[in-house]
N, C-alpha and C. Protein backbone atom coordinates (compact mmCIF):
# COMPACT_ATOMS: atom_id res chain seq x y z
N MET A 1 -0.64 -2.06 11.52
CA MET A 1 0.73 -2.61 11.71
C MET A 1 1.18 -1.36 12.40
N SER A 2 2.02 -0.73 13.28
CA SER A 2 2.09 -0.23 13.73
C SER A 2 3.32 -0.02 13.63
N GLY A 3 3.93 1.27 12.79
CA GLY A 3 5.02 1.52 12.51
C GLY A 3 4.74 2.05 10.72
N ILE A 4 3.54 1.35 10.24
CA ILE A 4 3.46 1.83 8.56
C ILE A 4 2.85 2.57 8.38
N ASN A 5 3.32 2.93 6.94
CA ASN A 5 2.52 4.04 6.79
C ASN A 5 2.40 3.95 5.14
N PHE A 6 1.78 3.26 5.04
CA PHE A 6 2.01 2.24 3.32
C PHE A 6 0.73 2.45 3.24
N ASN A 7 0.23 3.00 1.84
CA ASN A 7 -0.89 2.85 0.79
C ASN A 7 -1.24 2.11 -0.65
N PHE A 8 -1.77 1.60 -0.58
CA PHE A 8 -1.83 0.37 -1.34
C PHE A 8 -2.98 0.18 -2.01
N ASN A 9 -3.15 0.62 -3.30
CA ASN A 9 -4.26 1.68 -4.15
C ASN A 9 -4.66 -0.15 -5.17
N ARG A 10 -3.94 -0.37 -5.85
CA ARG A 10 -3.43 -1.33 -6.70
C ARG A 10 -4.25 -0.67 -8.22
N GLY A 11 -4.13 0.34 -8.41
CA GLY A 11 -4.90 1.13 -9.92
C GLY A 11 -6.50 0.60 -9.01
N VAL A 12 -7.01 0.90 -8.78
CA VAL A 12 -8.32 0.62 -8.43
C VAL A 12 -9.09 2.15 -8.05
N ASP A 13 -9.77 2.69 -8.33
CA ASP A 13 -10.41 4.15 -7.84
C ASP A 13 -11.51 3.84 -7.10
N PRO A 14 -11.55 3.66 -5.93
CA PRO A 14 -13.23 3.78 -5.45
C PRO A 14 -14.04 5.32 -6.09
N LEU A 15 -13.56 5.68 -6.01
CA LEU A 15 -14.94 7.06 -6.69
C LEU A 15 -15.46 6.92 -7.89
N LEU A 16 -14.24 6.46 -8.76
CA LEU A 16 -15.24 5.85 -10.22
C LEU A 16 -15.65 4.75 -10.17
N GLY A 17 -15.76 3.98 -9.29
CA GLY A 17 -16.60 2.68 -9.21
C GLY A 17 -15.61 2.00 -9.97
N SER A 18 -14.50 1.57 -10.40
CA SER A 18 -13.61 0.93 -10.78
C SER A 18 -13.52 -0.46 -10.35
N THR A 19 -13.64 -1.88 -10.69
CA THR A 19 -13.66 -2.66 -10.39
C THR A 19 -12.33 -3.40 -10.81
N PRO A 20 -11.75 -4.08 -9.72
CA PRO A 20 -10.63 -4.69 -9.29
C PRO A 20 -10.51 -5.84 -10.58
N ASP A 21 -9.42 -6.54 -11.21
CA ASP A 21 -9.26 -7.59 -11.43
C ASP A 21 -8.25 -7.87 -11.14
N TYR A 22 -8.52 -8.79 -9.75
CA TYR A 22 -8.38 -9.56 -9.03
C TYR A 22 -7.06 -10.36 -9.95
N SER A 23 -7.95 -11.08 -10.59
CA SER A 23 -7.33 -12.82 -11.28
C SER A 23 -5.78 -12.02 -12.05
N ALA A 24 -5.09 -10.85 -12.12
CA ALA A 24 -4.19 -10.32 -12.95
C ALA A 24 -3.26 -10.40 -11.66
N HIS A 25 -3.80 -10.03 -10.23
CA HIS A 25 -2.58 -10.00 -9.23
C HIS A 25 -2.46 -11.25 -8.24
N LEU A 26 -3.40 -12.25 -8.89
CA LEU A 26 -2.76 -13.74 -8.07
C LEU A 26 -1.60 -14.32 -8.44
N ALA A 27 -0.84 -13.85 -9.31
CA ALA A 27 0.28 -14.57 -9.73
C ALA A 27 1.81 -13.57 -8.88
N GLU A 28 1.56 -12.42 -8.56
CA GLU A 28 1.46 -11.58 -7.78
C GLU A 28 1.50 -12.36 -6.16
N LEU A 29 0.43 -12.63 -5.58
CA LEU A 29 0.00 -13.07 -4.34
C LEU A 29 0.90 -14.52 -4.30
N GLU A 30 1.05 -15.21 -5.50
CA GLU A 30 1.48 -16.54 -4.92
C GLU A 30 3.34 -16.07 -5.44
N GLN A 31 3.61 -15.02 -5.81
CA GLN A 31 5.11 -14.59 -5.62
C GLN A 31 5.56 -14.01 -4.33
N ALA A 32 4.38 -13.69 -3.95
CA ALA A 32 4.65 -12.89 -2.22
C ALA A 32 4.32 -13.91 -1.57
N GLN A 33 3.83 -15.13 -1.54
CA GLN A 33 3.70 -16.33 -0.31
C GLN A 33 4.74 -16.81 -0.77
N GLN A 34 5.69 -17.01 -1.64
CA GLN A 34 6.99 -17.84 -2.19
C GLN A 34 7.91 -17.07 -1.44
N ALA A 35 7.92 -16.20 -1.51
CA ALA A 35 8.90 -14.95 -0.64
C ALA A 35 8.70 -15.28 0.49
N ILE A 36 7.40 -14.95 0.96
CA ILE A 36 7.27 -15.20 3.12
C ILE A 36 7.93 -16.60 3.40
N GLU A 37 6.96 -17.40 2.60
CA GLU A 37 7.92 -19.13 2.66
C GLU A 37 9.74 -18.79 2.47
N GLN A 38 10.23 -17.84 1.91
CA GLN A 38 11.79 -18.63 2.24
C GLN A 38 12.28 -17.64 3.38
N GLN A 39 11.35 -16.16 3.78
CA GLN A 39 12.07 -15.70 4.42
C GLN A 39 11.73 -16.35 5.63
N ARG A 40 10.26 -17.04 5.95
CA ARG A 40 10.46 -18.38 7.27
C ARG A 40 10.61 -18.74 7.54
N GLN A 41 11.79 -19.59 6.07
CA GLN A 41 12.72 -20.53 6.25
C GLN A 41 14.15 -20.20 6.85
N SER A 42 14.46 -18.60 6.49
CA SER A 42 15.90 -18.40 6.39
C SER A 42 15.82 -17.97 7.98
N LEU A 43 14.50 -17.56 8.55
CA LEU A 43 14.20 -17.10 10.08
C LEU A 43 14.63 -18.36 10.61
N LEU A 44 14.21 -19.27 10.40
CA LEU A 44 13.88 -20.78 11.06
C LEU A 44 15.06 -21.18 11.37
N LYS A 45 16.23 -21.35 10.16
CA LYS A 45 17.10 -21.37 10.24
C LYS A 45 18.47 -20.55 11.49
N LEU A 46 18.16 -19.76 10.90
CA LEU A 46 18.82 -18.71 11.79
C LEU A 46 18.40 -18.86 13.44
N ALA A 47 17.59 -19.01 13.70
CA ALA A 47 16.51 -19.53 14.73
C ALA A 47 17.44 -20.63 15.34
N GLN A 48 18.06 -21.63 14.16
CA GLN A 48 18.20 -22.82 15.31
C GLN A 48 19.60 -22.71 15.40
N ASN A 49 20.26 -22.00 15.06
CA ASN A 49 21.93 -21.85 14.47
C ASN A 49 22.07 -20.58 15.37
N THR A 50 20.86 -20.05 16.12
CA THR A 50 21.31 -19.44 17.39
C THR A 50 21.25 -19.95 18.88
N PRO A 51 22.76 -20.10 19.98
CA PRO A 51 22.32 -20.45 20.43
C PRO A 51 21.40 -19.91 21.61
N GLY A 52 20.88 -20.44 22.93
CA GLY A 52 19.54 -19.90 23.06
C GLY A 52 18.85 -19.78 23.22
N THR A 53 18.06 -20.04 21.88
CA THR A 53 16.86 -20.09 21.12
C THR A 53 16.01 -21.00 20.59
N GLU A 54 15.15 -21.11 20.83
CA GLU A 54 14.63 -22.71 20.60
C GLU A 54 13.23 -22.29 19.19
N ALA A 55 13.90 -23.17 18.49
CA ALA A 55 12.79 -22.97 17.23
C ALA A 55 11.95 -23.68 17.12
N ARG A 56 10.99 -23.98 16.88
CA ARG A 56 9.32 -23.86 16.39
C ARG A 56 9.55 -25.25 15.89
N PRO A 57 9.33 -26.37 15.42
CA PRO A 57 9.17 -27.17 14.85
C PRO A 57 8.18 -27.01 13.53
N ALA A 58 9.12 -27.31 12.53
CA ALA A 58 8.11 -27.05 11.37
C ALA A 58 6.98 -28.33 11.24
N THR A 59 6.08 -27.50 10.43
CA THR A 59 4.82 -28.35 10.52
C THR A 59 4.96 -29.51 8.83
N SER A 60 4.07 -30.18 8.78
CA SER A 60 4.63 -31.17 7.65
C SER A 60 4.38 -30.35 6.27
N THR A 61 3.24 -29.56 6.44
CA THR A 61 2.99 -28.98 5.39
C THR A 61 2.91 -27.10 6.04
N ALA A 62 3.95 -26.69 4.87
CA ALA A 62 4.15 -25.32 5.75
C ALA A 62 3.76 -23.94 5.68
N THR A 63 2.59 -24.36 4.48
CA THR A 63 1.00 -23.45 4.73
C THR A 63 0.19 -23.61 4.20
N PRO A 64 -0.67 -24.57 5.20
CA PRO A 64 -1.44 -25.12 5.29
C PRO A 64 -2.93 -24.50 4.19
N ILE A 65 -2.83 -23.96 4.76
CA ILE A 65 -4.00 -22.69 4.48
C ILE A 65 -4.42 -22.23 2.92
N TRP A 66 -2.52 -21.98 2.39
CA TRP A 66 -2.52 -21.23 0.87
C TRP A 66 -2.70 -22.77 0.78
N ASP A 67 -1.98 -23.80 0.97
CA ASP A 67 -2.47 -24.89 0.44
C ASP A 67 -4.39 -25.49 0.26
N GLU A 68 -4.58 -24.80 0.79
CA GLU A 68 -5.83 -25.69 1.02
C GLU A 68 -6.88 -24.55 -0.37
N ILE A 69 -6.29 -23.26 0.18
CA ILE A 69 -6.80 -22.59 -0.79
C ILE A 69 -6.95 -22.63 -2.33
N ASP A 70 -5.63 -22.75 -2.80
CA ASP A 70 -4.95 -23.28 -3.90
C ASP A 70 -5.86 -24.94 -4.34
N ALA A 71 -5.67 -25.72 -3.61
CA ALA A 71 -6.64 -26.81 -3.59
C ALA A 71 -7.98 -26.05 -4.53
N ILE A 72 -8.65 -25.76 -3.54
CA ILE A 72 -9.82 -25.48 -3.78
C ILE A 72 -10.37 -24.50 -5.03
N THR A 73 -9.15 -23.80 -5.83
CA THR A 73 -8.98 -22.47 -6.43
C THR A 73 -8.57 -23.38 -8.01
N ASP A 74 -7.87 -24.59 -8.07
CA ASP A 74 -7.18 -25.07 -8.79
C ASP A 74 -8.06 -26.11 -9.41
N ASN A 75 -9.10 -26.66 -8.51
CA ASN A 75 -9.93 -27.59 -9.29
C ASN A 75 -11.30 -26.60 -9.91
N MET A 76 -11.25 -25.56 -9.81
CA MET A 76 -12.26 -24.77 -10.43
C MET A 76 -12.59 -24.19 -11.55
N SER A 77 -13.45 -24.59 -12.29
CA SER A 77 -13.55 -24.08 -14.11
C SER A 77 -13.30 -22.90 -14.28
N GLN A 78 -13.24 -22.08 -15.04
CA GLN A 78 -12.86 -20.53 -15.79
C GLN A 78 -14.63 -19.79 -15.18
N ALA A 79 -15.23 -20.63 -15.73
CA ALA A 79 -16.83 -20.15 -15.02
C ALA A 79 -16.63 -19.52 -13.78
N GLU A 80 -16.36 -20.94 -13.14
CA GLU A 80 -16.46 -20.55 -11.18
C GLU A 80 -15.74 -19.72 -10.95
N PHE A 81 -14.43 -19.69 -11.48
CA PHE A 81 -13.67 -18.69 -10.51
C PHE A 81 -13.97 -17.65 -11.11
N LYS A 82 -14.17 -16.98 -11.92
CA LYS A 82 -14.84 -15.63 -12.65
C LYS A 82 -15.99 -15.12 -12.02
N ALA A 83 -17.06 -16.16 -11.40
CA ALA A 83 -17.79 -16.33 -10.56
C ALA A 83 -17.80 -15.58 -9.76
N MET A 84 -16.78 -16.24 -8.99
CA MET A 84 -16.07 -16.23 -7.09
C MET A 84 -15.65 -14.64 -6.98
N GLU A 85 -14.92 -14.59 -8.57
CA GLU A 85 -13.94 -13.36 -8.59
C GLU A 85 -15.31 -12.17 -8.02
N ALA A 86 -16.40 -12.03 -8.97
CA ALA A 86 -17.29 -10.99 -9.16
C ALA A 86 -17.96 -11.34 -7.37
N ASP A 87 -18.00 -12.11 -7.06
CA ASP A 87 -18.86 -11.66 -5.57
C ASP A 87 -17.58 -10.68 -5.07
N GLU A 88 -18.91 -9.77 -4.26
CA GLU A 88 -18.09 -8.33 -3.24
C GLU A 88 -17.55 -8.99 -2.36
N ASN A 89 -17.45 -9.87 -1.29
CA ASN A 89 -17.05 -10.90 -0.47
C ASN A 89 -15.19 -11.22 -0.04
N TYR A 90 -15.75 -11.79 -1.52
CA TYR A 90 -13.85 -12.32 -2.20
C TYR A 90 -13.21 -11.23 -2.73
N GLN A 91 -13.63 -10.12 -3.42
CA GLN A 91 -12.63 -8.48 -3.36
C GLN A 91 -12.15 -8.28 -2.54
N LYS A 92 -13.48 -8.23 -1.05
CA LYS A 92 -12.95 -7.78 -0.17
C LYS A 92 -11.70 -8.05 0.63
N SER A 93 -11.99 -9.71 0.60
CA SER A 93 -11.47 -10.72 1.40
C SER A 93 -9.27 -10.51 0.95
N LEU A 94 -9.97 -10.62 -0.42
CA LEU A 94 -8.73 -10.68 -1.53
C LEU A 94 -8.05 -9.59 -1.22
N GLU A 95 -8.57 -8.65 -1.38
CA GLU A 95 -7.79 -7.28 -1.68
C GLU A 95 -7.11 -7.15 -0.39
N ALA A 96 -7.83 -7.33 1.35
CA ALA A 96 -7.17 -7.22 2.77
C ALA A 96 -6.22 -8.24 2.52
N LEU A 97 -6.43 -9.45 1.90
CA LEU A 97 -5.09 -10.09 2.21
C LEU A 97 -3.53 -9.59 1.02
N MET A 98 -4.23 -9.17 0.23
CA MET A 98 -2.92 -8.64 -0.36
C MET A 98 -2.25 -7.61 0.31
N ASN A 99 -3.36 -6.77 0.99
CA ASN A 99 -2.38 -5.27 1.50
C ASN A 99 -1.83 -5.50 2.91
N TYR A 100 -2.24 -6.87 3.03
CA TYR A 100 -1.75 -7.49 4.20
C TYR A 100 0.04 -7.81 4.06
N VAL A 101 -0.41 -9.17 2.93
CA VAL A 101 0.81 -9.47 2.12
C VAL A 101 1.72 -8.17 1.81
N ALA A 102 1.84 -6.93 1.45
CA ALA A 102 2.25 -5.79 0.31
C ALA A 102 3.01 -5.51 1.92
N ALA A 103 2.17 -5.53 2.92
CA ALA A 103 2.60 -4.75 4.45
C ALA A 103 3.48 -5.38 5.14
N VAL A 104 3.65 -6.63 5.14
CA VAL A 104 4.83 -7.46 5.44
C VAL A 104 5.78 -7.81 4.88
N GLN A 105 5.86 -7.98 3.47
CA GLN A 105 6.83 -7.95 2.35
C GLN A 105 7.59 -6.64 2.89
N LEU A 106 6.90 -5.42 2.89
CA LEU A 106 7.39 -4.03 3.36
C LEU A 106 8.49 -4.11 4.19
N GLN A 107 7.77 -4.89 5.59
CA GLN A 107 8.42 -4.50 6.59
C GLN A 107 9.76 -5.23 6.61
N MET A 108 9.86 -6.66 6.30
CA MET A 108 10.49 -7.25 6.03
C MET A 108 11.94 -7.13 4.64
N ILE A 109 11.67 -6.32 3.64
CA ILE A 109 12.79 -5.82 3.02
C ILE A 109 12.81 -4.64 3.26
N ARG A 110 12.22 -3.51 4.00
CA ARG A 110 12.92 -2.16 4.30
C ARG A 110 14.32 -2.21 4.71
N PRO A 111 15.15 -2.59 5.47
CA PRO A 111 16.05 -2.86 6.33
C PRO A 111 17.28 -3.25 4.77
N ARG A 112 16.69 -3.90 4.70
CA ARG A 112 17.59 -4.17 3.12
C ARG A 112 17.99 -3.47 1.95
N ILE A 113 16.85 -2.99 1.66
CA ILE A 113 16.84 -1.31 0.94
C ILE A 113 17.65 -0.46 1.54
N GLU A 114 17.73 -0.52 2.74
CA GLU A 114 18.55 0.67 3.31
C GLU A 114 20.26 0.39 3.54
N ALA A 115 20.00 -0.82 3.54
CA ALA A 115 21.45 -1.06 3.91
C ALA A 115 22.10 -1.17 2.65
N ASN A 116 21.47 -1.27 1.41
CA ASN A 116 21.72 -1.38 -0.02
C ASN A 116 22.38 0.01 -0.88
N PRO A 117 23.53 0.40 -0.52
CA PRO A 117 24.27 1.27 -1.00
C PRO A 117 22.61 2.32 -1.80
N GLU A 118 22.52 1.38 -3.65
CA GLU A 118 21.41 1.93 -4.43
C GLU A 118 20.38 2.20 -3.66
N GLY A 119 19.80 1.59 -2.76
CA GLY A 119 18.55 1.46 -2.08
C GLY A 119 18.84 2.34 -1.79
N LYS A 120 19.82 2.92 -0.45
CA LYS A 120 19.62 4.26 0.37
C LYS A 120 19.92 5.36 -0.84
N LYS A 121 20.07 5.18 -1.71
CA LYS A 121 20.76 6.02 -2.36
C LYS A 121 19.06 7.04 -2.73
N LEU A 122 18.30 6.03 -3.53
CA LEU A 122 16.77 6.10 -3.76
C LEU A 122 16.32 6.68 -2.60
N LEU A 123 16.38 5.90 -1.49
CA LEU A 123 15.83 6.90 -0.29
C LEU A 123 15.82 7.76 -0.36
N GLU A 124 17.49 8.14 -0.29
CA GLU A 124 17.46 9.34 0.21
C GLU A 124 16.84 10.52 -0.71
N GLN A 125 16.79 10.31 -2.03
CA GLN A 125 16.14 10.97 -2.61
C GLN A 125 15.43 11.50 -2.46
N HIS A 126 14.15 10.16 -2.00
CA HIS A 126 12.67 10.61 -1.79
C HIS A 126 12.71 11.24 -0.56
N LEU A 127 13.27 11.03 0.43
CA LEU A 127 12.84 11.53 1.54
C LEU A 127 13.36 13.33 1.16
N THR A 128 14.28 13.79 0.34
CA THR A 128 14.80 14.87 -0.31
C THR A 128 13.42 15.34 -0.81
N ASN A 129 12.93 14.73 -1.75
CA ASN A 129 11.53 15.02 -2.22
C ASN A 129 10.77 15.45 -1.41
N VAL A 130 10.48 14.37 -0.59
CA VAL A 130 9.15 14.66 0.18
C VAL A 130 9.09 15.32 1.04
N LYS A 131 10.06 15.92 1.45
CA LYS A 131 10.58 16.97 2.38
C LYS A 131 10.01 18.29 1.39
N PHE A 132 10.56 18.09 0.49
CA PHE A 132 10.63 19.54 0.28
C PHE A 132 8.49 20.02 -0.84
N LEU A 133 8.09 18.72 -1.06
CA LEU A 133 6.94 18.67 -1.35
C LEU A 133 6.09 19.21 -0.40
N ARG A 134 6.34 18.20 0.60
CA ARG A 134 5.53 18.64 2.13
C ARG A 134 5.06 20.42 2.23
N LYS A 135 6.72 20.93 1.82
CA LYS A 135 6.97 22.20 1.97
C LYS A 135 6.06 22.80 1.18
N ALA A 136 6.02 22.50 0.08
CA ALA A 136 5.21 23.11 -0.72
C ALA A 136 3.52 22.97 -0.86
N ALA A 137 3.42 21.94 -0.25
CA ALA A 137 2.50 22.13 0.21
C ALA A 137 1.76 22.26 1.45
N LEU A 138 2.36 22.98 2.52
CA LEU A 138 2.34 23.54 3.33
C LEU A 138 2.17 25.04 3.27
N ASP A 139 3.15 25.29 2.04
CA ASP A 139 3.48 26.92 1.54
C ASP A 139 1.80 27.12 1.12
N ASP A 140 1.22 26.32 0.65
CA ASP A 140 -0.19 26.34 -0.74
C ASP A 140 -0.91 25.97 0.15
N VAL A 141 -1.39 25.53 1.41
CA VAL A 141 -2.29 25.32 2.11
C VAL A 141 -2.14 27.39 3.21
N ASN A 142 -1.13 27.30 3.70
CA ASN A 142 -0.86 28.67 4.17
C ASN A 142 -1.26 30.11 3.06
N LYS A 143 -0.90 29.85 2.03
CA LYS A 143 -1.04 30.95 1.09
C LYS A 143 -3.33 31.06 0.97
N LYS A 144 -3.79 29.83 0.80
CA LYS A 144 -5.07 29.78 0.69
C LYS A 144 -5.80 30.20 1.52
N MET A 145 -5.10 29.95 2.79
CA MET A 145 -5.89 30.55 4.26
C MET A 145 -5.91 31.77 4.40
N ALA A 146 -4.48 32.07 3.86
CA ALA A 146 -4.46 33.23 3.93
C ALA A 146 -5.72 34.07 3.21
N ASP A 147 -5.29 34.29 1.99
CA ASP A 147 -6.45 34.38 0.81
C ASP A 147 -8.21 34.79 1.73
N PHE A 148 -8.34 33.22 2.01
CA PHE A 148 -9.73 32.91 2.75
C PHE A 148 -9.99 34.34 3.51
N GLU A 149 -8.95 34.19 4.49
CA GLU A 149 -9.11 35.21 5.51
C GLU A 149 -9.61 36.74 5.27
N ASP A 150 -8.63 36.67 4.17
CA ASP A 150 -8.23 38.64 3.24
C ASP A 150 -10.30 38.23 2.65
N TYR A 151 -10.47 37.14 1.89
CA TYR A 151 -11.72 37.49 1.73
C TYR A 151 -13.09 37.69 2.58
N THR A 152 -12.68 36.59 3.51
CA THR A 152 -13.94 36.69 4.75
C THR A 152 -13.62 38.88 5.33
N LYS A 153 -12.27 39.03 5.74
CA LYS A 153 -12.09 40.62 6.15
C LYS A 153 -12.86 41.79 5.63
N ASN A 154 -12.00 40.94 4.32
CA ASN A 154 -12.31 42.77 3.64
C ASN A 154 -12.89 42.70 2.07
N TYR A 155 -13.23 41.32 1.83
CA TYR A 155 -14.30 41.33 0.53
C TYR A 155 -15.41 40.14 0.63
N SER A 156 -16.27 40.38 1.76
CA SER A 156 -16.86 39.21 1.81
C SER A 156 -18.40 39.56 0.90
N HIS A 157 -18.13 40.98 0.57
CA HIS A 157 -19.43 41.30 0.13
C HIS A 157 -19.58 41.11 -1.49
N MET A 158 -18.64 39.94 -1.68
CA MET A 158 -18.17 40.31 -3.39
C MET A 158 -18.18 38.01 -3.31
N SER A 159 -18.64 37.93 -4.47
CA SER A 159 -18.47 36.26 -4.85
C SER A 159 -16.58 35.84 -4.70
N TRP A 160 -16.75 34.75 -4.54
CA TRP A 160 -15.18 34.18 -3.87
C TRP A 160 -14.79 34.31 -5.48
N GLU A 161 -15.33 33.97 -6.84
CA GLU A 161 -15.11 33.61 -8.19
C GLU A 161 -14.31 35.14 -8.41
N GLU A 162 -15.29 36.47 -7.77
CA GLU A 162 -14.65 37.92 -7.91
C GLU A 162 -13.44 38.70 -7.97
N TYR A 163 -13.40 37.72 -6.04
CA TYR A 163 -12.31 37.64 -4.88
C TYR A 163 -11.18 37.68 -6.05
N LEU A 164 -11.22 36.31 -6.30
CA LEU A 164 -10.23 35.85 -7.23
C LEU A 164 -9.24 36.42 -8.65
N LYS A 165 -11.06 37.18 -8.71
CA LYS A 165 -10.18 37.67 -10.15
C LYS A 165 -9.30 39.56 -9.61
N THR A 166 -9.92 40.12 -8.84
CA THR A 166 -9.78 41.17 -8.25
C THR A 166 -7.92 41.33 -7.71
N LYS A 167 -8.10 39.77 -7.78
CA LYS A 167 -5.96 39.54 -6.77
C LYS A 167 -5.27 38.78 -8.18
N GLY A 168 -5.97 37.93 -9.35
CA GLY A 168 -5.60 38.09 -10.14
C GLY A 168 -5.33 36.40 -10.21
N GLY A 169 -6.16 35.89 -9.48
CA GLY A 169 -5.85 34.26 -9.23
C GLY A 169 -6.68 33.83 -9.94
N LYS A 170 -6.55 32.73 -10.11
CA LYS A 170 -7.58 31.50 -10.56
C LYS A 170 -8.64 31.18 -9.26
N LYS A 171 -10.13 30.23 -10.09
CA LYS A 171 -10.51 29.44 -9.16
C LYS A 171 -9.78 28.21 -8.57
N LYS A 172 -10.01 28.18 -7.14
CA LYS A 172 -9.40 27.08 -6.51
C LYS A 172 -10.01 26.36 -6.18
């Protein structure tokens, strides 16, 4: 999705090899599905009330694919469901779906948060923090680069650790 800078980790660290428990997130997915459906319905109503636009007719089932997934998973035993959750392909497809749902939710809710006075205040505070942290990170990177350039030009005869000790710094 263009225009979205969104990282969604769900508490999983791929470097540590932790395996996510997707069953804990199914309720979130169902809530997201309901929110999306409500948003879709409100957009359909808005489109029907707007002159010059043609709304698509609603299908007999609002979300047939979701319903089909629910029908399958609702009829599974707990052991079958755990076996399915353990499958790598299931985990990947569920993670991709959750990331997409979260991105869509974010797209829908961003304007509402910014229009809300409290949300706007929080966003402005976050923007200030991001700007400050970006500057601090840039300064840190520039300092490290300057130290490395100094080390390679003037102190290449010693180890990096020795150089840091002579400069009074710590190992980076």
